[in-house]
């Protein structure tokens, strides 16, 4: 009985999320709207089965070889603001900045209930909102951790805000 109720609640939440994503698409600034399709199709960004500890270790190894920094992006595919951040990451000049200066690791945090040891390790209070970012040097030293949910309202920010952030923290 409880299992059936949880399935119904899960389906209801999924339907609400779909409606929220469609509504979010209408609220996204013009730069992002150009890349959104109608109806809004969310991207798969965060792997639920990934091992973030192993992914970060591999990213740090690659960053040392390539003289880059590691950008940790905490969030979930369900998050409209995470979807907008991904759109901005794929736009120029951000895509070029990321390719040249960063190794990006997307860390799935579930609905604020999975892999929580990772943001805690990097002093990122995800309870203040996602997407949440941290920047590490190639040796794993924390250079920046988002403290106040600066990007949780990404749909009301612009691609240039992301550009400014990337330029500030590039290697």
Protein backbone atom coordinates (compact mmCIF):
# COMPACT_ATOMS: atom_id res chain seq x y z
CA UNK A 1 0.00 0.00 0.00
CA UNK A 2 2.75 2.45 0.95
CA UNK A 3 4.72 1.43 -2.11
CA UNK A 4 1.73 2.20 -4.33
CA UNK A 5 1.24 5.57 -2.64
CA UNK A 6 4.89 6.44 -3.15
CA UNK A 7 4.61 5.59 -6.85
CA UNK A 8 1.56 7.81 -7.20
CA UNK A 9 3.30 10.65 -5.37
CA UNK A 10 6.40 10.17 -7.53
CA UNK A 11 4.34 10.36 -10.74
CA UNK A 12 2.52 13.42 -9.46
CA UNK A 13 5.84 15.12 -8.62
CA UNK A 14 7.21 14.25 -12.07
CA UNK A 15 4.15 15.82 -13.70
CA UNK A 16 4.54 18.94 -11.56
CA UNK A 17 8.22 19.12 -12.42
CA UNK A 18 7.43 18.94 -16.13
CA UNK A 19 4.98 21.81 -15.75
CA UNK A 20 7.53 23.78 -13.74
CA UNK A 21 10.19 23.24 -16.41
CA UNK A 22 7.84 24.47 -19.11
CA UNK A 23 6.98 27.50 -17.00
CA UNK A 24 10.68 28.09 -16.35
CA UNK A 25 11.40 28.08 -20.06
CA UNK A 26 9.09 31.07 -20.38
CA UNK A 27 10.99 32.88 -17.62
CA UNK A 28 14.50 32.27 -18.98
CA UNK A 29 16.30 35.37 -20.33
CA UNK A 30 16.44 35.86 -24.10
CA UNK A 31 19.96 34.41 -24.48
CA UNK A 32 18.85 31.07 -23.09
CA UNK A 33 15.47 31.14 -24.81
CA UNK A 34 17.19 30.96 -28.17
CA UNK A 35 18.51 27.53 -27.26
CA UNK A 36 15.37 26.19 -25.65
CA UNK A 37 13.07 24.16 -27.82
CA UNK A 38 9.32 24.18 -27.57
CA UNK A 39 8.24 22.33 -25.60
CA UNK A 40 11.18 22.60 -23.22
CA UNK A 41 13.36 19.48 -23.30
CA UNK A 42 15.47 19.04 -20.22
CA UNK A 43 19.03 17.88 -20.69
CA UNK A 44 20.58 14.95 -18.85
CA UNK A 45 23.44 16.59 -16.98
CA UNK A 46 23.84 14.81 -13.65
CA UNK A 47 24.40 11.05 -13.54
CA UNK A 48 22.55 9.31 -10.72
CA UNK A 49 24.91 6.33 -10.94
CA UNK A 50 28.23 8.17 -11.17
CA UNK A 51 30.80 7.94 -8.42
CA UNK A 52 31.55 11.61 -7.68
CA UNK A 53 34.62 10.81 -5.56
CA UNK A 54 36.17 8.86 -8.45
CA UNK A 55 35.04 11.48 -10.99
CA UNK A 56 36.67 14.28 -8.98
CA UNK A 57 39.89 12.27 -8.56
CA UNK A 58 40.01 11.65 -12.33
CA UNK A 59 39.28 15.33 -13.03
CA UNK A 60 42.09 16.43 -10.69
CA UNK A 61 44.54 14.07 -12.41
CA UNK A 62 43.52 15.43 -15.82
CA UNK A 63 43.64 19.03 -14.53
CA UNK A 64 47.25 18.55 -13.37
CA UNK A 65 48.28 17.26 -16.79
CA UNK A 66 46.38 19.96 -18.69
CA UNK A 67 47.09 22.84 -16.25
CA UNK A 68 43.40 23.49 -15.62
CA UNK A 69 41.08 23.96 -12.68
CA UNK A 70 38.24 21.69 -11.65
CA UNK A 71 34.74 23.14 -11.58
CA UNK A 72 32.31 21.19 -9.41
CA UNK A 73 28.67 21.70 -10.35
CA UNK A 74 26.23 20.37 -7.74
CA UNK A 75 22.63 19.85 -8.81
CA UNK A 76 20.08 17.57 -10.41
CA UNK A 77 18.33 17.22 -13.75
CA UNK A 78 15.07 18.14 -11.99
CA UNK A 79 16.43 21.64 -11.23
CA UNK A 80 15.35 24.33 -13.75
CA UNK A 81 18.18 26.65 -12.75
CA UNK A 82 20.68 23.81 -13.27
CA UNK A 83 19.25 23.37 -16.76
CA UNK A 84 19.71 27.09 -17.49
CA UNK A 85 23.29 26.99 -16.19
CA UNK A 86 23.98 24.11 -18.59
CA UNK A 87 22.56 26.17 -21.47
CA UNK A 88 24.85 29.04 -20.53
CA UNK A 89 27.83 26.65 -20.25
CA UNK A 90 27.21 25.58 -23.87
CA UNK A 91 27.03 29.17 -25.17
CA UNK A 92 30.04 31.16 -26.34
CA UNK A 93 32.27 32.45 -24.89
CA UNK A 94 31.53 30.17 -21.91
CA UNK A 95 32.00 26.91 -23.82
CA UNK A 96 35.47 28.05 -24.93
CA UNK A 97 36.40 29.23 -21.42
CA UNK A 98 35.34 25.91 -19.93
CA UNK A 99 37.23 23.90 -22.56
CA UNK A 100 40.41 25.92 -22.14
CA UNK A 101 40.51 26.41 -18.38
CA UNK A 102 38.34 23.87 -16.56
CA UNK A 103 37.50 20.23 -16.11
CA UNK A 104 33.81 20.15 -15.15
CA UNK A 105 32.40 17.53 -12.79
CA UNK A 106 28.62 17.43 -12.42
CA UNK A 107 27.74 16.04 -8.99
CA UNK A 108 24.23 14.65 -8.60
CA UNK A 109 22.77 15.55 -5.22
CA UNK A 110 19.39 13.92 -5.73
CA UNK A 111 16.64 16.00 -4.18
CA UNK A 112 19.11 17.29 -1.60
CA UNK A 113 19.51 13.72 -0.33
CA UNK A 114 22.39 12.04 -2.23
CA UNK A 115 26.17 12.44 -2.31
CA UNK A 116 25.88 15.10 0.40
CA UNK A 117 29.36 14.32 1.71
CA UNK A 118 30.85 15.84 -1.46
CA UNK A 119 29.45 19.39 -1.16
CA UNK A 120 30.14 19.24 2.58
CA UNK A 121 33.79 18.33 1.88
CA UNK A 122 34.10 21.39 -0.36
CA UNK A 123 32.22 23.72 2.00
CA UNK A 124 29.25 24.17 -0.34
CA UNK A 125 25.96 24.61 1.55
CA UNK A 126 23.57 23.12 -1.02
CA UNK A 127 20.67 23.77 1.35
CA UNK A 128 20.96 27.37 0.12
CA UNK A 129 20.05 26.22 -3.39
CA UNK A 130 21.36 24.65 -6.57
CA UNK A 131 23.07 24.83 -8.90
CA UNK A 132 25.98 25.31 -6.52
CA UNK A 133 29.57 25.61 -7.67
CA UNK A 134 33.05 25.08 -6.29
CA UNK A 135 36.42 25.62 -7.96
CA UNK A 136 39.50 23.55 -7.15
CA UNK A 137 43.05 24.00 -8.30
CA UNK A 138 44.71 21.06 -10.04
CA UNK A 139 45.90 19.69 -6.68
CA UNK A 140 42.45 19.72 -5.09
CA UNK A 141 42.85 22.91 -3.08
CA UNK A 142 39.52 24.70 -2.71
CA UNK A 143 39.71 28.12 -4.37
CA UNK A 144 36.02 29.01 -4.30
CA UNK A 145 32.86 27.61 -2.81
CA UNK A 146 29.46 29.10 -3.33
CA UNK A 147 28.18 30.18 0.05
CA UNK A 148 24.91 32.03 -0.48
CA UNK A 149 23.12 30.32 -3.35
CA UNK A 150 24.48 32.83 -5.87
CA UNK A 151 23.41 30.71 -8.84
CA UNK A 152 20.17 29.25 -7.49
CA UNK A 153 18.23 31.87 -9.45
CA UNK A 154 20.09 31.25 -12.71
CA UNK A 155 16.96 31.70 -14.82
CA UNK A 156 17.03 35.38 -13.86
CA UNK A 157 20.72 35.74 -14.61
CA UNK A 158 22.42 36.01 -17.97
CA UNK A 159 25.10 34.13 -19.81
CA UNK A 160 27.43 37.07 -19.17
CA UNK A 161 27.14 36.44 -15.40
CA UNK A 162 28.55 32.95 -16.02
CA UNK A 163 31.25 34.41 -18.27
CA UNK A 164 32.28 36.81 -15.51
CA UNK A 165 32.47 33.95 -13.01
CA UNK A 166 34.54 31.75 -15.35
CA UNK A 167 36.94 34.59 -16.18
CA UNK A 168 37.44 35.28 -12.46
CA UNK A 169 38.30 31.66 -11.65
CA UNK A 170 40.04 30.43 -14.80
CA UNK A 171 43.53 28.96 -14.47
